[in-house]
Amino acid sequence: MEAIWFVLAYFIMVNIIGFVLMGIDKKKARKREYRISEKTLWTWAIIGGGTGAFMGMRHFRHKTKHFTFKWGLPGLMVIQIVLLLTNIIR
């Protein structure tokens, strides 16, 4: 039972980071500053932050025209939510 709380805490944390990174990158893009790499954004999304990154993409209207982000993040988000729920239900 304690492992479930650890997993939930982990997913909450990485999703917050994914969301925030999208906001920071959008802010840097507007100021024409050095940007957060797409590799970094994808890394945080893949290690569990897919939902946060997707929500950040939508909220900040960032990377919405990039095919890989537009379709990849929602797909990744669904996969991660299904995996999380199947592990919680067990």
N, C-alpha and C. Protein backbone atom coordinates (compact mmCIF):
# COMPACT_ATOMS: atom_id res chain seq x y z
N MET A 1 0.82 -1.20 0.00
CA MET A 1 0.00 0.00 0.00
C MET A 1 0.86 1.26 0.00
N GLU A 2 1.99 1.22 0.70
CA GLU A 2 2.86 2.39 0.74
C GLU A 2 3.49 2.65 -0.62
N ALA A 3 3.71 1.59 -1.40
CA ALA A 3 4.30 1.75 -2.73
C ALA A 3 3.37 2.55 -3.63
N ILE A 4 2.06 2.40 -3.45
CA ILE A 4 1.10 3.16 -4.26
C ILE A 4 1.28 4.65 -4.01
N TRP A 5 1.44 5.04 -2.75
CA TRP A 5 1.62 6.45 -2.42
C TRP A 5 2.92 6.99 -2.99
N PHE A 6 3.96 6.16 -3.00
CA PHE A 6 5.23 6.57 -3.58
C PHE A 6 5.07 6.80 -5.08
N VAL A 7 4.39 5.87 -5.74
CA VAL A 7 4.18 5.99 -7.19
C VAL A 7 3.33 7.22 -7.51
N LEU A 8 2.26 7.43 -6.75
CA LEU A 8 1.43 8.61 -6.97
C LEU A 8 2.21 9.90 -6.75
N ALA A 9 2.99 9.95 -5.68
CA ALA A 9 3.80 11.14 -5.40
C ALA A 9 4.80 11.38 -6.53
N TYR A 10 5.41 10.31 -7.03
CA TYR A 10 6.35 10.42 -8.14
C TYR A 10 5.66 11.01 -9.37
N PHE A 11 4.51 10.44 -9.74
CA PHE A 11 3.80 10.92 -10.93
C PHE A 11 3.35 12.36 -10.77
N ILE A 12 2.89 12.73 -9.60
CA ILE A 12 2.49 14.12 -9.37
C ILE A 12 3.69 15.05 -9.55
N MET A 13 4.82 14.67 -8.96
CA MET A 13 6.02 15.49 -9.03
C MET A 13 6.51 15.67 -10.47
N VAL A 14 6.65 14.58 -11.22
CA VAL A 14 7.18 14.70 -12.58
C VAL A 14 6.19 15.40 -13.51
N ASN A 15 4.91 15.29 -13.24
CA ASN A 15 3.93 16.00 -14.05
C ASN A 15 3.95 17.50 -13.77
N ILE A 16 4.14 17.88 -12.54
CA ILE A 16 4.29 19.31 -12.21
C ILE A 16 5.53 19.86 -12.93
N ILE A 17 6.62 19.10 -12.88
CA ILE A 17 7.85 19.54 -13.55
C ILE A 17 7.63 19.65 -15.05
N GLY A 18 6.95 18.67 -15.66
CA GLY A 18 6.66 18.71 -17.10
C GLY A 18 5.83 19.94 -17.47
N PHE A 19 4.84 20.25 -16.65
CA PHE A 19 3.99 21.42 -16.87
C PHE A 19 4.81 22.70 -16.79
N VAL A 20 5.60 22.82 -15.73
CA VAL A 20 6.41 24.02 -15.50
C VAL A 20 7.45 24.20 -16.61
N LEU A 21 8.07 23.11 -17.04
CA LEU A 21 9.07 23.22 -18.11
C LEU A 21 8.45 23.77 -19.40
N MET A 22 7.23 23.37 -19.71
CA MET A 22 6.56 23.91 -20.89
C MET A 22 6.34 25.42 -20.74
N GLY A 23 5.96 25.84 -19.55
CA GLY A 23 5.75 27.27 -19.31
C GLY A 23 7.05 28.06 -19.40
N ILE A 24 8.11 27.52 -18.83
CA ILE A 24 9.41 28.19 -18.89
C ILE A 24 9.89 28.29 -20.32
N ASP A 25 9.75 27.21 -21.09
CA ASP A 25 10.21 27.22 -22.47
C ASP A 25 9.40 28.22 -23.30
N LYS A 26 8.11 28.32 -23.06
CA LYS A 26 7.28 29.29 -23.78
C LYS A 26 7.73 30.71 -23.46
N LYS A 27 8.00 30.96 -22.19
CA LYS A 27 8.46 32.29 -21.77
C LYS A 27 9.79 32.63 -22.44
N LYS A 28 10.70 31.66 -22.46
CA LYS A 28 12.00 31.87 -23.11
C LYS A 28 11.83 32.09 -24.62
N ALA A 29 10.89 31.40 -25.23
CA ALA A 29 10.65 31.56 -26.66
C ALA A 29 10.18 32.97 -26.97
N ARG A 30 9.30 33.50 -26.15
CA ARG A 30 8.80 34.86 -26.36
C ARG A 30 9.92 35.89 -26.22
N LYS A 31 10.85 35.64 -25.30
CA LYS A 31 11.95 36.58 -25.06
C LYS A 31 13.14 36.31 -25.98
N ARG A 32 13.01 35.30 -26.83
CA ARG A 32 14.10 34.89 -27.73
C ARG A 32 15.38 34.57 -26.96
N GLU A 33 15.22 33.87 -25.85
CA GLU A 33 16.34 33.44 -25.02
C GLU A 33 16.70 31.99 -25.34
N TYR A 34 17.78 31.53 -24.73
CA TYR A 34 18.20 30.13 -24.87
C TYR A 34 17.09 29.24 -24.35
N ARG A 35 16.71 28.23 -25.13
CA ARG A 35 15.53 27.43 -24.85
C ARG A 35 15.85 26.11 -24.19
N ILE A 36 14.82 25.53 -23.61
CA ILE A 36 14.90 24.16 -23.10
C ILE A 36 14.80 23.24 -24.31
N SER A 37 15.68 22.27 -24.40
CA SER A 37 15.69 21.40 -25.58
C SER A 37 14.46 20.50 -25.61
N GLU A 38 14.07 20.13 -26.82
CA GLU A 38 12.95 19.20 -26.97
C GLU A 38 13.29 17.87 -26.33
N LYS A 39 14.56 17.51 -26.37
CA LYS A 39 14.99 16.26 -25.74
C LYS A 39 14.68 16.29 -24.24
N THR A 40 14.94 17.41 -23.59
CA THR A 40 14.65 17.54 -22.16
C THR A 40 13.15 17.47 -21.90
N LEU A 41 12.37 18.17 -22.72
CA LEU A 41 10.91 18.14 -22.56
C LEU A 41 10.38 16.72 -22.72
N TRP A 42 10.88 16.00 -23.73
CA TRP A 42 10.45 14.62 -23.95
C TRP A 42 10.92 13.69 -22.84
N THR A 43 12.12 13.93 -22.33
CA THR A 43 12.63 13.08 -21.25
C THR A 43 11.71 13.15 -20.05
N TRP A 44 11.33 14.36 -19.65
CA TRP A 44 10.43 14.50 -18.50
C TRP A 44 9.06 13.89 -18.79
N ALA A 45 8.61 14.02 -20.03
CA ALA A 45 7.32 13.42 -20.39
C ALA A 45 7.40 11.90 -20.34
N ILE A 46 8.47 11.33 -20.86
CA ILE A 46 8.60 9.88 -20.93
C ILE A 46 8.77 9.24 -19.55
N ILE A 47 9.46 9.93 -18.64
CA ILE A 47 9.68 9.32 -17.33
C ILE A 47 8.46 9.47 -16.42
N GLY A 48 7.34 9.89 -16.98
CA GLY A 48 6.11 9.92 -16.21
C GLY A 48 5.35 11.23 -16.26
N GLY A 49 5.93 12.25 -16.87
CA GLY A 49 5.30 13.56 -16.89
C GLY A 49 4.52 13.87 -18.14
N GLY A 50 4.02 12.87 -18.81
CA GLY A 50 3.28 13.07 -20.06
C GLY A 50 2.03 13.92 -19.89
N THR A 51 1.29 13.71 -18.83
CA THR A 51 0.06 14.47 -18.59
C THR A 51 0.39 15.92 -18.30
N GLY A 52 1.37 16.17 -17.45
CA GLY A 52 1.76 17.54 -17.13
C GLY A 52 2.28 18.27 -18.35
N ALA A 53 3.10 17.59 -19.15
CA ALA A 53 3.64 18.21 -20.36
C ALA A 53 2.52 18.52 -21.34
N PHE A 54 1.56 17.60 -21.48
CA PHE A 54 0.43 17.83 -22.38
C PHE A 54 -0.42 19.00 -21.88
N MET A 55 -0.70 19.01 -20.59
CA MET A 55 -1.48 20.11 -20.04
C MET A 55 -0.74 21.44 -20.18
N GLY A 56 0.58 21.42 -20.00
CA GLY A 56 1.38 22.62 -20.19
C GLY A 56 1.36 23.08 -21.64
N MET A 57 1.44 22.12 -22.56
CA MET A 57 1.39 22.44 -23.98
C MET A 57 0.07 23.15 -24.31
N ARG A 58 -1.01 22.62 -23.80
CA ARG A 58 -2.33 23.22 -24.06
C ARG A 58 -2.50 24.56 -23.35
N HIS A 59 -2.12 24.62 -22.08
CA HIS A 59 -2.30 25.83 -21.28
C HIS A 59 -1.49 27.01 -21.83
N PHE A 60 -0.21 26.76 -22.13
CA PHE A 60 0.67 27.81 -22.59
C PHE A 60 0.66 27.97 -24.11
N ARG A 61 -0.11 27.12 -24.80
CA ARG A 61 -0.17 27.11 -26.27
C ARG A 61 1.24 27.04 -26.84
N HIS A 62 1.94 26.02 -26.39
CA HIS A 62 3.34 25.86 -26.75
C HIS A 62 3.57 24.51 -27.42
N LYS A 63 4.27 24.52 -28.53
CA LYS A 63 4.60 23.32 -29.30
C LYS A 63 3.36 22.65 -29.89
N THR A 64 2.28 23.41 -30.03
CA THR A 64 1.02 22.83 -30.50
C THR A 64 1.04 22.53 -32.00
N LYS A 65 1.98 23.11 -32.74
CA LYS A 65 2.06 22.85 -34.18
C LYS A 65 3.07 21.75 -34.50
N HIS A 66 3.82 21.31 -33.51
CA HIS A 66 4.78 20.23 -33.72
C HIS A 66 4.03 18.90 -33.69
N PHE A 67 4.10 18.17 -34.78
CA PHE A 67 3.36 16.91 -34.90
C PHE A 67 3.67 15.95 -33.75
N THR A 68 4.97 15.82 -33.41
CA THR A 68 5.34 14.86 -32.36
C THR A 68 4.77 15.25 -31.01
N PHE A 69 4.68 16.53 -30.73
CA PHE A 69 4.09 16.97 -29.47
C PHE A 69 2.57 16.91 -29.53
N LYS A 70 2.01 17.36 -30.65
CA LYS A 70 0.55 17.42 -30.80
C LYS A 70 -0.09 16.05 -30.66
N TRP A 71 0.54 15.02 -31.20
CA TRP A 71 -0.03 13.67 -31.15
C TRP A 71 0.70 12.75 -30.19
N GLY A 72 1.99 12.97 -30.01
CA GLY A 72 2.77 12.10 -29.14
C GLY A 72 2.47 12.27 -27.67
N LEU A 73 2.33 13.53 -27.22
CA LEU A 73 2.05 13.74 -25.80
C LEU A 73 0.70 13.18 -25.36
N PRO A 74 -0.38 13.39 -26.12
CA PRO A 74 -1.64 12.78 -25.70
C PRO A 74 -1.57 11.25 -25.66
N GLY A 75 -0.90 10.66 -26.65
CA GLY A 75 -0.74 9.20 -26.67
C GLY A 75 0.05 8.71 -25.47
N LEU A 76 1.14 9.40 -25.19
CA LEU A 76 1.96 9.05 -24.04
C LEU A 76 1.18 9.21 -22.74
N MET A 77 0.40 10.28 -22.66
CA MET A 77 -0.42 10.54 -21.48
C MET A 77 -1.40 9.38 -21.24
N VAL A 78 -2.07 8.94 -22.27
CA VAL A 78 -3.04 7.84 -22.14
C VAL A 78 -2.34 6.57 -21.66
N ILE A 79 -1.21 6.27 -22.27
CA ILE A 79 -0.45 5.08 -21.87
C ILE A 79 -0.05 5.15 -20.41
N GLN A 80 0.45 6.30 -19.98
CA GLN A 80 0.89 6.45 -18.59
C GLN A 80 -0.27 6.37 -17.60
N ILE A 81 -1.40 6.97 -17.96
CA ILE A 81 -2.56 6.90 -17.07
C ILE A 81 -3.06 5.46 -16.95
N VAL A 82 -3.12 4.75 -18.07
CA VAL A 82 -3.56 3.34 -18.04
C VAL A 82 -2.61 2.51 -17.18
N LEU A 83 -1.29 2.70 -17.37
CA LEU A 83 -0.32 1.96 -16.56
C LEU A 83 -0.46 2.29 -15.08
N LEU A 84 -0.65 3.56 -14.78
CA LEU A 84 -0.82 3.97 -13.38
C LEU A 84 -2.07 3.34 -12.77
N LEU A 85 -3.18 3.42 -13.49
CA LEU A 85 -4.43 2.86 -12.97
C LEU A 85 -4.39 1.35 -12.82
N THR A 86 -3.76 0.66 -13.76
CA THR A 86 -3.69 -0.79 -13.65
C THR A 86 -2.81 -1.21 -12.47
N ASN A 87 -1.81 -0.42 -12.15
CA ASN A 87 -0.98 -0.73 -10.98
C ASN A 87 -1.68 -0.38 -9.69
N ILE A 88 -2.51 0.65 -9.68
CA ILE A 88 -3.25 1.02 -8.47
C ILE A 88 -4.35 0.01 -8.19
N ILE A 89 -5.04 -0.44 -9.24
CA ILE A 89 -6.18 -1.35 -9.09
C ILE A 89 -5.72 -2.72 -8.57
N ARG A 90 -4.53 -3.15 -8.96
CA ARG A 90 -4.04 -4.46 -8.55
C ARG A 90 -3.91 -4.58 -7.09
